[in-house]
């Protein structure tokens, strides 16, 4: 599974960071979410947390691909 963020949709609610802090971080400059994983590949043990984070995003800015 890979994850990314549509930066043009992110509003910086930080709900993804609350759900999966190992995967999502907040940019120190603008407060928008960023993926902490170098190439966006999610380890199997964090896949459920990423799906929960994607579902929690009010802007639907989290893109999850198989």
Protein backbone atom coordinates (compact mmCIF):
# COMPACT_ATOMS: atom_id res chain seq x y z
CA UNK A 1 0.00 0.00 0.00
CA UNK A 2 1.17 3.54 -0.76
CA UNK A 3 -0.10 6.78 0.70
CA UNK A 4 0.18 10.40 -0.34
CA UNK A 5 -1.52 13.69 0.41
CA UNK A 6 -3.25 15.96 -2.07
CA UNK A 7 -1.63 19.16 -0.86
CA UNK A 8 -4.15 21.32 -2.70
CA UNK A 9 -6.93 19.74 -0.62
CA UNK A 10 -5.25 19.52 2.80
CA UNK A 11 -6.50 22.15 5.25
CA UNK A 12 -4.24 21.20 8.15
CA UNK A 13 -6.86 19.67 10.46
CA UNK A 14 -4.15 17.19 11.62
CA UNK A 15 -6.60 14.32 12.12
CA UNK A 16 -4.34 12.04 10.08
CA UNK A 17 -1.44 12.80 12.39
CA UNK A 18 -3.60 11.93 15.40
CA UNK A 19 -4.59 8.59 13.83
CA UNK A 20 -1.18 7.56 12.46
CA UNK A 21 1.69 9.70 13.81
CA UNK A 22 4.21 7.15 12.54
CA UNK A 23 3.06 7.90 8.98
CA UNK A 24 1.88 11.53 9.00
CA UNK A 25 3.60 14.60 10.32
CA UNK A 26 2.78 18.30 10.23
CA UNK A 27 4.84 20.71 8.18
CA UNK A 28 6.46 23.24 10.49
CA UNK A 29 5.97 26.07 8.02
CA UNK A 30 2.29 25.85 7.10
CA UNK A 31 0.92 23.14 9.41
CA UNK A 32 -0.32 20.94 6.57
CA UNK A 33 0.18 17.20 6.71
CA UNK A 34 3.11 15.44 5.10
CA UNK A 35 3.88 11.75 4.71
CA UNK A 36 6.87 10.74 6.82
CA UNK A 37 7.63 7.62 4.78
CA UNK A 38 10.33 8.26 2.15
CA UNK A 39 8.45 6.77 -0.81
CA UNK A 40 4.98 6.56 0.73
CA UNK A 41 5.10 2.77 1.16
CA UNK A 42 3.14 1.82 4.26
CA UNK A 43 4.38 -1.11 6.35
CA UNK A 44 1.68 -3.79 6.80
CA UNK A 45 1.40 -3.12 10.53
CA UNK A 46 0.39 0.52 9.85
CA UNK A 47 -2.08 -0.09 7.02
CA UNK A 48 -5.15 -0.09 9.29
CA UNK A 49 -4.09 3.19 10.90
CA UNK A 50 -3.60 4.78 7.46
CA UNK A 51 -7.06 3.66 6.35
CA UNK A 52 -8.53 5.11 9.56
CA UNK A 53 -6.66 8.37 8.97
CA UNK A 54 -7.91 8.56 5.38
CA UNK A 55 -11.49 8.01 6.53
CA UNK A 56 -11.09 10.70 9.22
CA UNK A 57 -9.82 13.37 6.80
CA UNK A 58 -12.67 15.87 6.30
CA UNK A 59 -11.10 17.11 3.06
CA UNK A 60 -10.46 13.60 1.66
CA UNK A 61 -6.89 14.73 0.99
CA UNK A 62 -5.28 11.36 1.80
CA UNK A 63 -4.75 9.15 -1.22
CA UNK A 64 -4.35 5.43 -0.55
CA UNK A 65 -3.26 3.13 -3.37
CA UNK A 66 -2.74 -0.64 -3.29
